[in-house]
Amino acid sequence: MLAIGGIQGIIGLAMVTNSVDIATAIWGERPDRLFEKSHENSGLVVFFGVLMLVMAAWAIATSLRFGDRHPGLLASTRAYGWALLAVVLFLGLFISALGLVFLIPAILLVVRSRKPEFQSWFDRRPH
């Protein structure tokens, strides 16, 4: 989760700072209407960038606390996995490359958080 959060943070920061360029690359622009369409869609790119930054903070904060073995972290990991999967599927409608980057880690988080070995870590039982 720490690596996923770091990647999300970098991508989210890039989306927020380069929103017009990204909107132009995704939706295109006619030369006679310079910056008109890009500025309309750059708000959507900024929204997804901020969403990625929030998700990154959630992943990093949760993964840094894994050593505590608190049972609430297991619920946070599962919720993050499902939220990441939802964001990936929705984001994939607009930016398919980003959707593909996070699809497999999202599925792995959802599936692996249900394994007994993962649950026993948070129950403080021996492995």
Protein backbone atom coordinates (compact mmCIF):
# COMPACT_ATOMS: atom_id res chain seq x y z
CA MET A 1 0.00 0.00 0.00
CA LEU A 2 2.89 2.31 0.65
CA ALA A 3 4.13 1.96 -2.93
CA ILE A 4 0.63 2.40 -4.34
CA GLY A 5 0.17 5.52 -2.22
CA GLY A 6 3.48 6.95 -3.38
CA ILE A 7 2.63 6.39 -7.04
CA GLN A 8 -0.81 7.88 -6.51
CA GLY A 9 0.72 10.91 -4.82
CA ILE A 10 3.08 11.55 -7.73
CA ILE A 11 0.33 11.09 -10.33
CA GLY A 12 -2.12 13.22 -8.32
CA LEU A 13 0.41 16.03 -8.00
CA ALA A 14 1.14 15.87 -11.73
CA MET A 15 -2.59 15.97 -12.51
CA VAL A 16 -3.16 19.02 -10.34
CA THR A 17 -0.19 20.98 -11.62
CA ASN A 18 -0.57 20.12 -15.33
CA SER A 19 -4.35 19.94 -15.62
CA VAL A 20 -4.68 21.97 -18.84
CA ASP A 21 -2.03 19.95 -20.65
CA ILE A 22 -3.57 16.67 -19.53
CA ALA A 23 -7.06 17.80 -20.53
CA THR A 24 -5.73 18.79 -23.94
CA ALA A 25 -4.04 15.40 -24.35
CA ILE A 26 -7.20 13.49 -23.39
CA TRP A 27 -9.98 15.45 -25.06
CA GLY A 28 -8.00 17.20 -27.77
CA GLU A 29 -8.49 20.71 -29.00
CA ARG A 30 -9.16 22.45 -32.26
CA PRO A 31 -6.56 25.07 -33.26
CA ASP A 32 -9.21 27.75 -33.85
CA ARG A 33 -10.58 27.39 -30.29
CA LEU A 34 -7.30 27.64 -28.40
CA PHE A 35 -7.61 26.87 -24.65
CA GLU A 36 -11.41 26.94 -24.68
CA LYS A 37 -12.07 23.20 -24.36
CA SER A 38 -8.98 22.53 -22.26
CA HIS A 39 -9.99 25.03 -19.60
CA GLU A 40 -13.47 23.53 -19.44
CA ASN A 41 -12.13 20.03 -18.83
CA SER A 42 -9.15 20.96 -16.68
CA GLY A 43 -11.44 21.19 -13.65
CA LEU A 44 -12.26 17.51 -14.04
CA VAL A 45 -8.56 16.66 -14.19
CA VAL A 46 -7.92 18.73 -11.04
CA PHE A 47 -10.80 16.93 -9.28
CA PHE A 48 -9.28 13.54 -10.10
CA GLY A 49 -5.84 14.81 -9.08
CA VAL A 50 -7.09 15.90 -5.66
CA LEU A 51 -8.94 12.60 -5.32
CA MET A 52 -5.68 10.76 -6.09
CA LEU A 53 -3.86 12.84 -3.46
CA VAL A 54 -6.51 12.03 -0.84
CA MET A 55 -6.35 8.33 -1.71
CA ALA A 56 -2.54 8.49 -1.52
CA ALA A 57 -2.66 10.03 1.95
CA TRP A 58 -5.10 7.33 3.07
CA ALA A 59 -2.87 4.53 1.75
CA ILE A 60 0.31 5.95 3.24
CA ALA A 61 -1.25 6.66 6.64
CA THR A 62 -2.75 3.16 6.82
CA SER A 63 0.39 1.35 5.71
CA LEU A 64 2.64 3.23 8.11
CA ARG A 65 0.51 2.01 11.02
CA PHE A 66 0.60 -1.71 10.06
CA GLY A 67 3.16 -2.41 12.78
CA ASP A 68 0.54 -1.55 15.43
CA ARG A 69 -1.59 -4.53 14.30
CA HIS A 70 -4.74 -2.64 15.22
CA PRO A 71 -7.88 -4.40 13.90
CA GLY A 72 -9.21 -1.09 12.56
CA LEU A 73 -6.35 -1.05 10.07
CA LEU A 74 -7.68 -4.23 8.51
CA ALA A 75 -11.01 -2.51 7.92
CA SER A 76 -9.20 0.55 6.55
CA THR A 77 -7.20 -1.64 4.16
CA ARG A 78 -10.33 -3.34 2.88
CA ALA A 79 -12.17 -0.05 2.50
CA TYR A 80 -9.19 1.44 0.68
CA GLY A 81 -9.06 -1.53 -1.68
CA TRP A 82 -12.74 -1.18 -2.57
CA ALA A 83 -12.48 2.60 -2.90
CA LEU A 84 -9.42 2.25 -5.11
CA LEU A 85 -11.25 -0.27 -7.27
CA ALA A 86 -14.21 2.10 -7.66
CA VAL A 87 -11.97 5.06 -8.50
CA VAL A 88 -9.97 2.97 -10.96
CA LEU A 89 -13.08 1.79 -12.78
CA PHE A 90 -14.50 5.31 -12.95
CA LEU A 91 -11.16 6.88 -13.86
CA GLY A 92 -10.67 4.26 -16.54
CA LEU A 93 -13.58 5.79 -18.44
CA PHE A 94 -11.57 8.99 -18.96
CA ILE A 95 -7.92 8.01 -18.64
CA SER A 96 -7.61 4.33 -19.50
CA ALA A 97 -3.84 4.16 -18.88
CA LEU A 98 -4.26 5.20 -15.22
CA GLY A 99 -7.10 2.76 -14.84
CA LEU A 100 -4.90 -0.10 -15.99
CA VAL A 101 -2.01 0.92 -13.73
CA PHE A 102 -4.06 0.63 -10.53
CA LEU A 103 -6.51 -2.13 -11.49
CA ILE A 104 -4.35 -5.10 -10.49
CA PRO A 105 -3.16 -3.61 -7.15
CA ALA A 106 -6.76 -2.73 -6.28
CA ILE A 107 -7.93 -6.28 -6.97
CA LEU A 108 -5.01 -7.72 -5.00
CA LEU A 109 -5.81 -5.51 -1.99
CA VAL A 110 -9.43 -6.62 -1.99
CA VAL A 111 -8.63 -10.32 -2.40
CA ARG A 112 -5.60 -10.59 -0.14
CA SER A 113 -7.21 -8.72 2.75
CA ARG A 114 -9.65 -11.66 3.04
CA LYS A 115 -6.91 -14.30 3.44
CA PRO A 116 -6.52 -15.89 6.88
CA GLU A 117 -2.82 -15.01 7.04
CA PHE A 118 -3.62 -11.35 6.55
CA GLN A 119 -6.36 -11.43 9.18
CA SER A 120 -4.20 -13.30 11.70
CA TRP A 121 -1.62 -10.48 11.53
CA PHE A 122 -4.20 -8.04 12.85
CA ASP A 123 -5.61 -10.50 15.39
CA ARG A 124 -2.13 -10.71 16.98
CA ARG A 125 -2.08 -14.48 16.49
CA PRO A 126 1.18 -16.18 15.55
CA HIS A 127 1.68 -16.62 11.83
